[in-house]
Amino acid sequence: AEFKDIGLVLTDDMNQFSSERQHEERDILIHLSRIKQQVAALANLLGDGPAHVDRMATILPELEKKLFQFKQRQRKRYEDLLAEERTLMQELTYFTESFDKDKAPDPS
């Protein structure tokens, strides 16, 4: 009787593990199918495959170079504007102080 009970427990466990394995296999196949669809969609976007990739490989470095140059120009322009702002703030402060001195009543 004890062996029979152990056998039933093992059989139940084996059936449960088998069911879980089948469920996991199904999930993996679904996931792989989605990946395959995404790869196919990407392949359609790439057009003519390797030739398109080769064209992109030649275009991207030039694009990166131009983007870097643009960023450098923008950074330089930002720094120039920042320096101009500082100068204007100093001049404004000087003129404000001068105006306040001229406007102040004469102490005599």
C-alpha atoms as a PDB file:
ATOM      1  CA  ALA A   1       0.000   0.000   0.000  1.00  0.00           C
ATOM      2  CA  GLU A   2       2.853   2.384   0.870  1.00  0.00           C
ATOM      3  CA  PHE A   3       4.613   1.743  -2.453  1.00  0.00           C
ATOM      4  CA  LYS A   4       1.335   2.231  -4.257  1.00  0.00           C
ATOM      5  CA  ASP A   5       0.848   5.644  -2.566  1.00  0.00           C
ATOM      6  CA  ILE A   6       4.416   6.665  -3.422  1.00  0.00           C
ATOM      7  CA  GLY A   7       3.836   5.472  -6.990  1.00  0.00           C
ATOM      8  CA  LEU A   8       0.655   7.557  -7.258  1.00  0.00           C
ATOM      9  CA  VAL A   9       2.455  10.663  -5.895  1.00  0.00           C
ATOM     10  CA  LEU A  10       5.328  10.154  -8.327  1.00  0.00           C
ATOM     11  CA  THR A  11       2.890   9.618 -11.195  1.00  0.00           C
ATOM     12  CA  ASP A  12       1.020  12.799 -10.271  1.00  0.00           C
ATOM     13  CA  ASP A  13       4.289  14.733 -10.028  1.00  0.00           C
ATOM     14  CA  MET A  14       5.439  13.328 -13.362  1.00  0.00           C
ATOM     15  CA  ASN A  15       2.133  14.309 -15.006  1.00  0.00           C
ATOM     16  CA  GLN A  16       2.338  17.800 -13.500  1.00  0.00           C
ATOM     17  CA  PHE A  17       5.953  18.263 -14.649  1.00  0.00           C
ATOM     18  CA  SER A  18       5.064  16.984 -18.088  1.00  0.00           C
ATOM     19  CA  SER A  19       2.156  19.426 -18.308  1.00  0.00           C
ATOM     20  CA  GLU A  20       4.352  22.310 -17.122  1.00  0.00           C
ATOM     21  CA  ARG A  21       7.060  21.347 -19.636  1.00  0.00           C
ATOM     22  CA  GLN A  22       4.509  21.274 -22.468  1.00  0.00           C
ATOM     23  CA  HIS A  23       3.159  24.665 -21.370  1.00  0.00           C
ATOM     24  CA  GLU A  24       6.678  26.099 -21.268  1.00  0.00           C
ATOM     25  CA  GLU A  25       7.510  24.615 -24.681  1.00  0.00           C
ATOM     26  CA  ARG A  26       4.359  26.211 -26.090  1.00  0.00           C
ATOM     27  CA  ASP A  27       5.308  29.589 -24.566  1.00  0.00           C
ATOM     28  CA  ILE A  28       8.813  29.319 -26.004  1.00  0.00           C
ATOM     29  CA  LEU A  29       7.443  28.486 -29.448  1.00  0.00           C
ATOM     30  CA  ILE A  30       5.050  31.448 -29.268  1.00  0.00           C
ATOM     31  CA  HIS A  31       7.911  33.723 -28.216  1.00  0.00           C
ATOM     32  CA  LEU A  32      10.147  32.404 -31.002  1.00  0.00           C
ATOM     33  CA  SER A  33       7.342  32.909 -33.504  1.00  0.00           C
ATOM     34  CA  ARG A  34       6.992  36.554 -32.411  1.00  0.00           C
ATOM     35  CA  ILE A  35      10.747  37.044 -32.732  1.00  0.00           C
ATOM     36  CA  LYS A  36      10.659  35.490 -36.193  1.00  0.00           C
ATOM     37  CA  GLN A  37       7.874  37.879 -37.216  1.00  0.00           C
ATOM     38  CA  GLN A  38       9.842  40.853 -35.906  1.00  0.00           C
ATOM     39  CA  VAL A  39      12.960  39.715 -37.766  1.00  0.00           C
ATOM     40  CA  ALA A  40      10.928  39.349 -40.942  1.00  0.00           C
ATOM     41  CA  ALA A  41       9.487  42.847 -40.459  1.00  0.00           C
ATOM     42  CA  LEU A  42      12.985  44.219 -39.924  1.00  0.00           C
ATOM     43  CA  ALA A  43      14.212  42.402 -43.019  1.00  0.00           C
ATOM     44  CA  ASN A  44      11.408  44.061 -45.006  1.00  0.00           C
ATOM     45  CA  LEU A  45      12.468  47.450 -43.651  1.00  0.00           C
ATOM     46  CA  LEU A  46      16.054  46.780 -44.643  1.00  0.00           C
ATOM     47  CA  GLY A  47      15.025  46.235 -48.210  1.00  0.00           C
ATOM     48  CA  ASP A  48      17.539  44.279 -50.230  1.00  0.00           C
ATOM     49  CA  GLY A  49      19.332  42.738 -47.256  1.00  0.00           C
ATOM     50  CA  PRO A  50      23.122  42.733 -47.161  1.00  0.00           C
ATOM     51  CA  ALA A  51      23.473  45.364 -49.881  1.00  0.00           C
ATOM     52  CA  HIS A  52      21.298  47.710 -47.827  1.00  0.00           C
ATOM     53  CA  VAL A  53      23.346  46.996 -44.728  1.00  0.00           C
ATOM     54  CA  ASP A  54      26.523  47.793 -46.665  1.00  0.00           C
ATOM     55  CA  ARG A  55      25.031  51.104 -47.828  1.00  0.00           C
ATOM     56  CA  MET A  56      24.048  51.908 -44.265  1.00  0.00           C
ATOM     57  CA  ALA A  57      27.574  51.065 -43.111  1.00  0.00           C
ATOM     58  CA  THR A  58      28.951  53.673 -45.507  1.00  0.00           C
ATOM     59  CA  ILE A  59      26.302  56.282 -44.725  1.00  0.00           C
ATOM     60  CA  LEU A  60      26.315  56.037 -40.928  1.00  0.00           C
ATOM     61  CA  PRO A  61      29.941  57.122 -40.316  1.00  0.00           C
ATOM     62  CA  GLU A  62      29.386  60.226 -42.443  1.00  0.00           C
ATOM     63  CA  LEU A  63      26.139  60.919 -40.635  1.00  0.00           C
ATOM     64  CA  GLU A  64      27.848  60.502 -37.267  1.00  0.00           C
ATOM     65  CA  LYS A  65      30.630  62.860 -38.371  1.00  0.00           C
ATOM     66  CA  LYS A  66      28.143  65.517 -39.475  1.00  0.00           C
ATOM     67  CA  LEU A  67      26.154  65.120 -36.264  1.00  0.00           C
ATOM     68  CA  PHE A  68      29.317  65.518 -34.197  1.00  0.00           C
ATOM     69  CA  GLN A  69      30.272  68.659 -36.146  1.00  0.00           C
ATOM     70  CA  PHE A  70      26.780  70.058 -35.628  1.00  0.00           C
ATOM     71  CA  LYS A  71      27.019  69.395 -31.904  1.00  0.00           C
ATOM     72  CA  GLN A  72      30.403  71.121 -31.782  1.00  0.00           C
ATOM     73  CA  ARG A  73      29.021  74.187 -33.579  1.00  0.00           C
ATOM     74  CA  GLN A  74      26.041  74.292 -31.237  1.00  0.00           C
ATOM     75  CA  ARG A  75      28.300  73.974 -28.209  1.00  0.00           C
ATOM     76  CA  LYS A  76      30.509  76.823 -29.492  1.00  0.00           C
ATOM     77  CA  ARG A  77      27.445  78.978 -30.130  1.00  0.00           C
ATOM     78  CA  TYR A  78      26.142  78.209 -26.635  1.00  0.00           C
ATOM     79  CA  GLU A  79      29.464  79.166 -25.069  1.00  0.00           C
ATOM     80  CA  ASP A  80      29.567  82.401 -27.115  1.00  0.00           C
ATOM     81  CA  LEU A  81      26.048  83.301 -26.008  1.00  0.00           C
ATOM     82  CA  LEU A  82      26.916  82.481 -22.412  1.00  0.00           C
ATOM     83  CA  ALA A  83      29.960  84.780 -22.554  1.00  0.00           C
ATOM     84  CA  GLU A  84      27.850  87.519 -24.158  1.00  0.00           C
ATOM     85  CA  GLU A  85      25.231  87.115 -21.431  1.00  0.00           C
ATOM     86  CA  ARG A  86      27.897  87.488 -18.731  1.00  0.00           C
ATOM     87  CA  THR A  87      29.236  90.635 -20.402  1.00  0.00           C
ATOM     88  CA  LEU A  88      25.760  92.117 -20.727  1.00  0.00           C
ATOM     89  CA  MET A  89      24.979  91.320 -17.090  1.00  0.00           C
ATOM     90  CA  GLN A  90      28.197  93.057 -16.007  1.00  0.00           C
ATOM     91  CA  GLU A  91      27.398  96.104 -18.148  1.00  0.00           C
ATOM     92  CA  LEU A  92      23.836  96.188 -16.862  1.00  0.00           C
ATOM     93  CA  THR A  93      25.062  96.029 -13.293  1.00  0.00           C
ATOM     94  CA  TYR A  94      27.565  98.836 -13.968  1.00  0.00           C
ATOM     95  CA  PHE A  95      24.925 101.057 -15.620  1.00  0.00           C
ATOM     96  CA  THR A  96      22.387 100.314 -12.881  1.00  0.00           C
ATOM     97  CA  GLU A  97      24.899 101.262 -10.196  1.00  0.00           C
ATOM     98  CA  SER A  98      25.887 104.400 -12.142  1.00  0.00           C
ATOM     99  CA  PHE A  99      22.244 105.355 -12.592  1.00  0.00           C
ATOM    100  CA  ASP A 100      21.539 104.792  -8.900  1.00  0.00           C
ATOM    101  CA  LYS A 101      24.534 106.986  -7.972  1.00  0.00           C
ATOM    102  CA  ASP A 102      23.399 109.760 -10.313  1.00  0.00           C
ATOM    103  CA  LYS A 103      19.851 109.521  -9.053  1.00  0.00           C
ATOM    104  CA  ALA A 104      20.795 109.519  -5.367  1.00  0.00           C
ATOM    105  CA  PRO A 105      20.332 112.871  -3.592  1.00  0.00           C
ATOM    106  CA  ASP A 106      23.420 114.949  -3.084  1.00  0.00           C
ATOM    107  CA  PRO A 107      24.550 114.533   0.585  1.00  0.00           C
ATOM    108  CA  SER A 108      25.641 118.194   0.883  1.00  0.00           C
END
